[in-house]
N, C-alpha and C. Protein backbone atom coordinates (compact mmCIF):
# COMPACT_ATOMS: atom_id res chain seq x y z
N MET A 1 0.85 -1.18 0.00
CA MET A 1 0.00 0.00 0.00
C MET A 1 0.89 1.23 0.00
N SER A 2 0.51 2.22 -0.77
CA SER A 2 1.27 3.47 -0.76
C SER A 2 0.78 4.35 0.38
N TYR A 3 1.45 5.46 0.58
CA TYR A 3 1.10 6.31 1.70
C TYR A 3 -0.25 7.00 1.47
N ASP A 4 -0.91 7.35 2.56
CA ASP A 4 -2.20 8.03 2.53
C ASP A 4 -1.94 9.54 2.60
N PRO A 5 -2.33 10.30 1.58
CA PRO A 5 -2.04 11.74 1.58
C PRO A 5 -2.77 12.50 2.70
N ASN A 6 -3.75 11.87 3.36
CA ASN A 6 -4.45 12.53 4.46
C ASN A 6 -3.72 12.40 5.79
N ILE A 7 -2.72 11.52 5.86
CA ILE A 7 -1.92 11.35 7.07
C ILE A 7 -0.73 12.30 6.97
N LYS A 8 -0.51 13.06 8.04
CA LYS A 8 0.57 14.06 8.06
C LYS A 8 1.49 13.82 9.26
N VAL A 9 2.71 14.33 9.15
CA VAL A 9 3.63 14.31 10.28
C VAL A 9 2.95 15.01 11.44
N GLY A 10 3.00 14.39 12.62
CA GLY A 10 2.36 14.94 13.81
C GLY A 10 1.01 14.33 14.11
N ASP A 11 0.43 13.58 13.15
CA ASP A 11 -0.87 12.95 13.39
C ASP A 11 -0.73 11.79 14.37
N ARG A 12 -1.70 11.66 15.25
CA ARG A 12 -1.79 10.50 16.15
C ARG A 12 -2.50 9.41 15.36
N VAL A 13 -1.88 8.23 15.30
CA VAL A 13 -2.40 7.15 14.46
C VAL A 13 -2.40 5.82 15.20
N GLU A 14 -3.18 4.90 14.66
CA GLU A 14 -3.15 3.51 15.09
C GLU A 14 -2.57 2.71 13.94
N ILE A 15 -1.68 1.78 14.26
CA ILE A 15 -1.07 0.93 13.24
C ILE A 15 -2.06 -0.18 12.91
N VAL A 16 -2.25 -0.42 11.62
CA VAL A 16 -3.17 -1.48 11.19
C VAL A 16 -2.44 -2.43 10.24
N ARG A 17 -2.83 -3.69 10.30
CA ARG A 17 -2.39 -4.74 9.38
C ARG A 17 -0.90 -5.01 9.34
N ASP A 18 -0.26 -5.13 10.49
CA ASP A 18 1.09 -5.68 10.56
C ASP A 18 1.34 -6.18 11.97
N GLU A 19 2.57 -6.57 12.29
CA GLU A 19 2.85 -7.17 13.60
C GLU A 19 2.61 -6.21 14.76
N ASN A 20 2.52 -4.92 14.50
CA ASN A 20 2.26 -3.93 15.55
C ASN A 20 0.82 -3.42 15.52
N SER A 21 -0.07 -4.15 14.89
CA SER A 21 -1.47 -3.73 14.79
C SER A 21 -2.03 -3.40 16.17
N GLY A 22 -2.76 -2.29 16.22
CA GLY A 22 -3.40 -1.89 17.46
C GLY A 22 -2.58 -0.91 18.28
N LYS A 23 -1.27 -0.84 18.05
CA LYS A 23 -0.45 0.14 18.78
C LYS A 23 -0.72 1.52 18.22
N THR A 24 -0.64 2.52 19.11
CA THR A 24 -0.82 3.89 18.67
C THR A 24 0.46 4.67 18.87
N GLY A 25 0.60 5.73 18.11
CA GLY A 25 1.76 6.59 18.21
C GLY A 25 1.56 7.83 17.37
N VAL A 26 2.64 8.53 17.13
CA VAL A 26 2.61 9.77 16.37
C VAL A 26 3.49 9.59 15.14
N VAL A 27 3.02 10.06 13.99
CA VAL A 27 3.80 9.98 12.76
C VAL A 27 4.94 10.99 12.85
N ALA A 28 6.17 10.50 12.82
CA ALA A 28 7.34 11.37 12.91
C ALA A 28 7.94 11.63 11.54
N GLU A 29 7.68 10.72 10.60
CA GLU A 29 8.27 10.85 9.26
C GLU A 29 7.43 10.05 8.30
N ILE A 30 7.33 10.56 7.06
CA ILE A 30 6.67 9.82 5.99
C ILE A 30 7.66 9.73 4.84
N ASP A 31 8.06 8.50 4.53
CA ASP A 31 9.00 8.27 3.42
C ASP A 31 8.18 7.93 2.18
N ARG A 32 7.87 8.94 1.40
CA ARG A 32 7.01 8.77 0.23
C ARG A 32 7.66 7.90 -0.85
N ALA A 33 8.97 7.71 -0.78
CA ALA A 33 9.66 6.86 -1.73
C ALA A 33 9.52 5.38 -1.38
N ASP A 34 9.09 5.08 -0.17
CA ASP A 34 8.95 3.69 0.28
C ASP A 34 7.46 3.33 0.29
N SER A 35 7.02 2.60 -0.71
CA SER A 35 5.59 2.26 -0.79
C SER A 35 5.23 1.10 0.14
N ASP A 36 6.22 0.39 0.69
CA ASP A 36 5.93 -0.74 1.58
C ASP A 36 5.68 -0.31 3.02
N ILE A 37 6.61 0.44 3.61
CA ILE A 37 6.46 0.88 5.00
C ILE A 37 6.87 2.35 5.12
N PRO A 38 5.98 3.24 4.73
CA PRO A 38 6.35 4.66 4.65
C PRO A 38 6.29 5.46 5.95
N TYR A 39 5.67 4.92 7.02
CA TYR A 39 5.43 5.72 8.22
C TYR A 39 6.38 5.36 9.35
N ARG A 40 7.16 6.36 9.83
CA ARG A 40 7.98 6.15 11.03
C ARG A 40 7.14 6.63 12.21
N ILE A 41 6.87 5.71 13.14
CA ILE A 41 5.98 5.99 14.26
C ILE A 41 6.81 6.09 15.54
N VAL A 42 6.52 7.13 16.34
CA VAL A 42 7.19 7.32 17.64
C VAL A 42 6.12 7.35 18.72
N ASP A 43 6.56 7.13 19.95
CA ASP A 43 5.62 7.24 21.07
C ASP A 43 5.51 8.70 21.49
N GLY A 44 4.76 8.95 22.54
CA GLY A 44 4.52 10.31 23.01
C GLY A 44 5.77 11.01 23.52
N TYR A 45 6.84 10.26 23.73
CA TYR A 45 8.10 10.85 24.18
C TYR A 45 9.09 11.03 23.04
N GLY A 46 8.67 10.66 21.82
CA GLY A 46 9.54 10.78 20.67
C GLY A 46 10.44 9.59 20.45
N ASP A 47 10.28 8.55 21.26
CA ASP A 47 11.09 7.35 21.08
C ASP A 47 10.52 6.51 19.94
N PHE A 48 11.40 5.99 19.11
CA PHE A 48 11.01 5.18 17.96
C PHE A 48 10.20 3.96 18.39
N LEU A 49 9.09 3.74 17.72
CA LEU A 49 8.30 2.52 17.93
C LEU A 49 8.52 1.54 16.79
N THR A 50 8.23 1.99 15.56
CA THR A 50 8.33 1.09 14.42
C THR A 50 8.13 1.86 13.12
N TRP A 51 8.45 1.21 12.03
CA TRP A 51 8.01 1.67 10.71
C TRP A 51 6.72 0.92 10.42
N ALA A 52 5.73 1.58 9.88
CA ALA A 52 4.43 0.96 9.67
C ALA A 52 4.02 1.00 8.20
N ARG A 53 3.34 -0.05 7.82
CA ARG A 53 2.84 -0.20 6.44
C ARG A 53 1.57 0.62 6.23
N GLU A 54 0.67 0.53 7.20
CA GLU A 54 -0.62 1.20 7.07
C GLU A 54 -1.06 1.73 8.43
N VAL A 55 -1.55 2.97 8.46
CA VAL A 55 -2.02 3.59 9.69
C VAL A 55 -3.34 4.28 9.43
N ARG A 56 -4.04 4.57 10.53
CA ARG A 56 -5.26 5.38 10.43
C ARG A 56 -5.26 6.37 11.57
N LYS A 57 -5.79 7.57 11.32
CA LYS A 57 -5.90 8.56 12.38
C LYS A 57 -6.85 8.05 13.45
N VAL A 58 -6.49 8.26 14.71
CA VAL A 58 -7.37 7.80 15.78
C VAL A 58 -8.10 8.94 16.47
N ASP A 59 -7.56 10.13 16.47
CA ASP A 59 -8.25 11.30 17.00
C ASP A 59 -7.46 12.53 16.57
N ASN A 60 -7.89 13.68 16.98
CA ASN A 60 -7.22 14.89 16.55
C ASN A 60 -6.24 15.43 17.59
N ARG A 61 -5.92 14.64 18.63
CA ARG A 61 -4.99 15.15 19.64
C ARG A 61 -3.63 15.44 19.03
N GLY A 62 -3.25 14.69 18.01
CA GLY A 62 -1.95 14.90 17.39
C GLY A 62 -1.93 16.07 16.42
N THR A 63 -3.10 16.62 16.10
CA THR A 63 -3.16 17.73 15.17
C THR A 63 -2.59 18.97 15.84
N LEU A 64 -1.57 19.52 15.24
CA LEU A 64 -0.88 20.66 15.82
C LEU A 64 -1.20 21.92 15.02
N THR A 65 -1.24 23.04 15.73
CA THR A 65 -1.43 24.32 15.07
C THR A 65 -0.42 25.32 15.63
N VAL A 66 -0.07 26.29 14.81
CA VAL A 66 0.84 27.34 15.25
C VAL A 66 0.25 28.00 16.48
N GLY A 67 1.09 28.22 17.48
CA GLY A 67 0.66 28.81 18.74
C GLY A 67 0.47 27.78 19.85
N ASP A 68 0.42 26.48 19.49
CA ASP A 68 0.28 25.43 20.50
C ASP A 68 1.49 25.42 21.42
N ARG A 69 1.25 25.13 22.69
CA ARG A 69 2.32 24.84 23.63
C ARG A 69 2.73 23.40 23.39
N VAL A 70 4.03 23.16 23.18
CA VAL A 70 4.50 21.82 22.81
C VAL A 70 5.68 21.39 23.66
N VAL A 71 5.89 20.07 23.64
CA VAL A 71 7.07 19.46 24.21
C VAL A 71 7.81 18.81 23.05
N ILE A 72 9.11 19.06 22.94
CA ILE A 72 9.90 18.47 21.86
C ILE A 72 10.11 17.00 22.17
N THR A 73 9.79 16.14 21.20
CA THR A 73 9.93 14.70 21.38
C THR A 73 10.95 14.10 20.43
N GLY A 74 11.49 14.90 19.52
CA GLY A 74 12.51 14.39 18.61
C GLY A 74 13.30 15.52 17.98
N ASP A 75 14.62 15.45 18.10
CA ASP A 75 15.48 16.38 17.39
C ASP A 75 16.75 15.64 17.00
N LEU A 76 17.56 16.23 16.17
CA LEU A 76 18.71 15.55 15.60
C LEU A 76 19.62 14.92 16.64
N LEU A 77 20.00 15.66 17.66
CA LEU A 77 20.96 15.16 18.65
C LEU A 77 20.31 14.76 19.96
N LYS A 78 18.99 14.80 20.04
CA LYS A 78 18.23 14.44 21.25
C LYS A 78 18.48 15.39 22.42
N SER A 79 19.26 16.46 22.21
CA SER A 79 19.57 17.37 23.31
C SER A 79 18.39 18.26 23.69
N LEU A 80 17.42 18.39 22.79
CA LEU A 80 16.27 19.25 23.08
C LEU A 80 15.03 18.47 23.52
N VAL A 81 15.10 17.14 23.48
CA VAL A 81 13.95 16.32 23.86
C VAL A 81 13.54 16.65 25.29
N GLY A 82 12.25 16.92 25.45
CA GLY A 82 11.70 17.26 26.77
C GLY A 82 11.58 18.76 27.01
N LYS A 83 12.25 19.57 26.18
CA LYS A 83 12.14 21.02 26.35
C LYS A 83 10.76 21.47 25.87
N ARG A 84 10.25 22.53 26.52
CA ARG A 84 8.92 23.05 26.21
C ARG A 84 9.05 24.40 25.50
N GLY A 85 8.02 24.70 24.71
CA GLY A 85 8.02 25.97 24.02
C GLY A 85 6.72 26.17 23.26
N THR A 86 6.75 27.15 22.34
CA THR A 86 5.59 27.48 21.54
C THR A 86 5.88 27.14 20.08
N LEU A 87 4.95 26.44 19.44
CA LEU A 87 5.09 26.09 18.03
C LEU A 87 4.85 27.35 17.21
N THR A 88 5.88 27.79 16.46
CA THR A 88 5.77 29.04 15.72
C THR A 88 5.60 28.84 14.22
N GLU A 89 5.91 27.64 13.71
CA GLU A 89 5.73 27.38 12.29
C GLU A 89 5.73 25.87 12.05
N ILE A 90 4.94 25.44 11.05
CA ILE A 90 4.92 24.05 10.61
C ILE A 90 5.17 24.06 9.11
N ASP A 91 6.22 23.36 8.67
CA ASP A 91 6.53 23.25 7.25
C ASP A 91 6.13 21.84 6.80
N GLU A 92 4.92 21.70 6.26
CA GLU A 92 4.39 20.38 5.90
C GLU A 92 5.18 19.74 4.76
N ARG A 93 5.96 20.53 4.02
CA ARG A 93 6.77 19.96 2.94
C ARG A 93 8.04 19.32 3.46
N ASP A 94 8.45 19.68 4.67
CA ASP A 94 9.69 19.15 5.27
C ASP A 94 9.34 17.92 6.08
N THR A 95 9.79 16.75 5.61
CA THR A 95 9.48 15.50 6.32
C THR A 95 10.50 15.18 7.40
N GLU A 96 11.60 15.94 7.48
CA GLU A 96 12.61 15.67 8.50
C GLU A 96 12.49 16.58 9.71
N TYR A 97 12.38 17.88 9.50
CA TYR A 97 12.33 18.86 10.59
C TYR A 97 11.20 19.85 10.33
N PRO A 98 9.94 19.41 10.48
CA PRO A 98 8.83 20.27 10.08
C PRO A 98 8.37 21.30 11.11
N TYR A 99 8.90 21.25 12.35
CA TYR A 99 8.37 22.09 13.42
C TYR A 99 9.39 23.12 13.88
N LEU A 100 9.00 24.40 13.85
CA LEU A 100 9.82 25.47 14.39
C LEU A 100 9.26 25.80 15.77
N VAL A 101 10.10 25.61 16.78
CA VAL A 101 9.67 25.80 18.17
C VAL A 101 10.51 26.89 18.82
N HIS A 102 9.83 27.86 19.43
CA HIS A 102 10.53 28.85 20.24
C HIS A 102 10.56 28.29 21.66
N ILE A 103 11.75 27.88 22.10
CA ILE A 103 11.91 27.22 23.39
C ILE A 103 11.78 28.26 24.51
N ASP A 104 11.06 27.89 25.56
CA ASP A 104 10.89 28.78 26.71
C ASP A 104 12.24 29.26 27.21
N GLY A 105 12.34 30.55 27.44
CA GLY A 105 13.56 31.13 27.99
C GLY A 105 14.66 31.38 26.98
N SER A 106 14.46 30.97 25.72
CA SER A 106 15.48 31.14 24.69
C SER A 106 15.37 32.52 24.06
N THR A 107 16.50 33.07 23.68
CA THR A 107 16.50 34.36 23.00
C THR A 107 16.60 34.20 21.49
N SER A 108 16.75 32.96 21.02
CA SER A 108 16.83 32.73 19.57
C SER A 108 15.43 32.75 18.97
N GLY A 109 15.37 32.79 17.66
CA GLY A 109 14.09 32.80 16.97
C GLY A 109 13.38 31.46 16.98
N GLY A 110 14.08 30.43 17.36
CA GLY A 110 13.48 29.10 17.40
C GLY A 110 14.41 28.07 16.82
N VAL A 111 13.98 26.82 16.90
CA VAL A 111 14.78 25.71 16.40
C VAL A 111 13.85 24.75 15.66
N TRP A 112 14.32 24.24 14.51
CA TRP A 112 13.56 23.27 13.75
C TRP A 112 13.81 21.88 14.33
N VAL A 113 12.75 21.14 14.63
CA VAL A 113 12.88 19.82 15.24
C VAL A 113 12.05 18.79 14.47
N GLN A 114 12.35 17.50 14.75
CA GLN A 114 11.69 16.39 14.06
C GLN A 114 10.28 16.13 14.55
N ALA A 115 10.08 16.16 15.86
CA ALA A 115 8.78 15.76 16.40
C ALA A 115 8.46 16.53 17.67
N VAL A 116 7.18 16.83 17.83
CA VAL A 116 6.68 17.49 19.04
C VAL A 116 5.33 16.87 19.38
N ARG A 117 4.91 17.09 20.62
CA ARG A 117 3.54 16.76 21.01
C ARG A 117 2.99 17.95 21.75
N ARG A 118 1.68 18.11 21.70
CA ARG A 118 1.08 19.20 22.46
C ARG A 118 1.33 18.97 23.93
N GLU A 119 1.56 20.03 24.65
CA GLU A 119 1.89 19.96 26.07
C GLU A 119 0.79 19.25 26.87
N ASP A 120 -0.45 19.41 26.45
CA ASP A 120 -1.54 18.81 27.21
C ASP A 120 -1.86 17.38 26.77
N ASP A 121 -1.17 16.84 25.77
CA ASP A 121 -1.34 15.45 25.37
C ASP A 121 -0.44 14.59 26.24
N VAL A 122 -0.98 14.05 27.29
CA VAL A 122 -0.19 13.28 28.25
C VAL A 122 -0.25 11.81 27.89
N GLU A 123 0.88 11.21 27.74
CA GLU A 123 0.97 9.78 27.49
C GLU A 123 1.16 9.06 28.80
N GLN A 124 0.62 7.88 28.91
CA GLN A 124 0.87 7.06 30.09
C GLN A 124 2.26 6.47 29.94
N PRO A 125 3.11 6.62 30.94
CA PRO A 125 4.46 6.08 30.83
C PRO A 125 4.44 4.56 30.76
N VAL A 126 5.42 4.02 30.06
CA VAL A 126 5.57 2.58 29.97
C VAL A 126 6.00 2.08 31.34
N PRO A 127 5.36 1.02 31.86
CA PRO A 127 5.75 0.54 33.18
C PRO A 127 7.20 0.08 33.20
N ALA A 128 7.86 0.32 34.31
CA ALA A 128 9.26 -0.09 34.46
C ALA A 128 9.33 -1.61 34.50
N PRO A 129 10.40 -2.18 33.93
CA PRO A 129 10.53 -3.63 33.98
C PRO A 129 10.67 -4.10 35.43
N ALA A 130 10.24 -5.32 35.67
CA ALA A 130 10.35 -5.89 37.01
C ALA A 130 11.81 -5.99 37.41
N PRO A 131 12.13 -5.76 38.67
CA PRO A 131 13.52 -5.84 39.11
C PRO A 131 14.06 -7.25 38.86
N THR A 132 15.33 -7.30 38.54
CA THR A 132 15.97 -8.58 38.29
C THR A 132 16.86 -8.94 39.47
N SER A 133 17.18 -10.22 39.56
CA SER A 133 18.05 -10.66 40.65
C SER A 133 19.51 -10.32 40.33
N ASN A 134 19.83 -10.09 39.08
CA ASN A 134 21.18 -9.73 38.67
C ASN A 134 21.25 -8.21 38.54
N PRO A 135 22.00 -7.52 39.40
CA PRO A 135 22.03 -6.05 39.35
C PRO A 135 22.56 -5.51 38.02
N PHE A 136 23.49 -6.24 37.38
CA PHE A 136 24.04 -5.76 36.11
C PHE A 136 22.99 -5.81 35.01
N ALA A 137 22.03 -6.76 35.12
CA ALA A 137 20.99 -6.88 34.11
C ALA A 137 20.16 -5.60 34.01
N ALA A 138 19.96 -4.92 35.12
CA ALA A 138 19.22 -3.66 35.09
C ALA A 138 19.97 -2.61 34.28
N HIS A 139 21.30 -2.62 34.36
CA HIS A 139 22.10 -1.68 33.57
C HIS A 139 22.03 -2.04 32.08
N VAL A 140 21.99 -3.33 31.78
CA VAL A 140 21.87 -3.76 30.39
C VAL A 140 20.52 -3.30 29.83
N GLU A 141 19.45 -3.47 30.60
CA GLU A 141 18.13 -3.03 30.15
C GLU A 141 18.09 -1.52 29.92
N GLU A 142 18.69 -0.77 30.83
CA GLU A 142 18.75 0.69 30.67
C GLU A 142 19.56 1.08 29.45
N ALA A 143 20.67 0.40 29.21
CA ALA A 143 21.50 0.67 28.03
C ALA A 143 20.71 0.39 26.75
N LYS A 144 19.98 -0.71 26.73
CA LYS A 144 19.16 -1.03 25.55
C LYS A 144 18.11 0.05 25.33
N ARG A 145 17.49 0.52 26.40
CA ARG A 145 16.48 1.57 26.27
C ARG A 145 17.10 2.86 25.73
N LEU A 146 18.29 3.20 26.22
CA LEU A 146 18.94 4.44 25.78
C LEU A 146 19.40 4.37 24.33
N LEU A 147 19.66 3.18 23.83
CA LEU A 147 20.17 3.02 22.47
C LEU A 147 19.08 2.76 21.43
N VAL A 148 17.81 2.72 21.85
CA VAL A 148 16.72 2.51 20.90
C VAL A 148 16.77 3.58 19.82
N GLY A 149 16.61 3.15 18.58
CA GLY A 149 16.60 4.10 17.47
C GLY A 149 17.97 4.44 16.94
N THR A 150 19.02 3.85 17.49
CA THR A 150 20.37 4.09 17.00
C THR A 150 20.92 2.80 16.41
N GLU A 151 21.92 2.94 15.55
CA GLU A 151 22.61 1.75 15.06
C GLU A 151 23.60 1.36 16.14
N HIS A 152 23.45 0.15 16.67
CA HIS A 152 24.35 -0.29 17.73
C HIS A 152 24.48 -1.81 17.69
N SER A 153 25.51 -2.28 18.30
CA SER A 153 25.76 -3.72 18.38
C SER A 153 25.56 -4.17 19.83
N GLY A 154 25.61 -5.47 20.02
CA GLY A 154 25.54 -6.01 21.38
C GLY A 154 26.69 -5.51 22.23
N ALA A 155 27.87 -5.36 21.60
CA ALA A 155 29.02 -4.86 22.34
C ALA A 155 28.78 -3.42 22.81
N ASP A 156 28.07 -2.63 22.00
CA ASP A 156 27.75 -1.26 22.39
C ASP A 156 26.84 -1.26 23.62
N VAL A 157 25.89 -2.18 23.65
CA VAL A 157 24.97 -2.28 24.79
C VAL A 157 25.76 -2.62 26.05
N ILE A 158 26.62 -3.63 25.95
CA ILE A 158 27.42 -4.04 27.12
C ILE A 158 28.33 -2.91 27.57
N ARG A 159 28.96 -2.22 26.63
CA ARG A 159 29.87 -1.11 26.97
C ARG A 159 29.12 -0.02 27.73
N LEU A 160 27.93 0.36 27.21
CA LEU A 160 27.16 1.39 27.88
C LEU A 160 26.68 0.90 29.25
N ALA A 161 26.30 -0.37 29.35
CA ALA A 161 25.87 -0.92 30.64
C ALA A 161 27.01 -0.87 31.65
N GLU A 162 28.23 -1.14 31.18
CA GLU A 162 29.39 -1.06 32.08
C GLU A 162 29.61 0.37 32.56
N ILE A 163 29.43 1.33 31.67
CA ILE A 163 29.57 2.74 32.04
C ILE A 163 28.50 3.10 33.08
N LEU A 164 27.27 2.67 32.83
CA LEU A 164 26.18 2.96 33.76
C LEU A 164 26.41 2.32 35.12
N ALA A 165 27.05 1.17 35.13
CA ALA A 165 27.30 0.45 36.38
C ALA A 165 28.55 0.99 37.10
N GLY A 166 29.25 1.90 36.46
CA GLY A 166 30.45 2.46 37.06
C GLY A 166 31.66 1.53 36.99
N ARG A 167 31.59 0.56 36.10
CA ARG A 167 32.70 -0.37 35.94
C ARG A 167 33.78 0.15 35.01
N TRP A 168 33.49 1.21 34.30
CA TRP A 168 34.46 1.72 33.33
C TRP A 168 34.85 3.12 33.66
């Protein structure tokens, strides 16, 4: 299936007809050149969920307008994730950085970012994993969570877990 022209970056959607059917998220990117899986879906915190073949809008909470109070959920270096500000422009032609946000307390004109959510759209946090009997395993789980959406190897996970555990 090709992409649906009615689905836009920032829309809240439900994934249909694949292994992630029923999950909801926000469209962070639409790859119009990929007719198989054109939608990059993120959760309410901007963390990557999956690429999806087919989605449908589930409500208008994800619909953003200039002037909305927003929380940044995706930017190039992740350094702005969680910062709050006012949405000052939306460039619907830009599939990579469509949102211009004036960050609270900033003197700059704003910054273009990949993904935002309205400040009042509260997502339920994912429950923390059950504690493990192996203390290092908790560091491995945290390292895996921190590396989601990046190209990494198992060695990278172990290395970061060692850093988190204070072993390095």
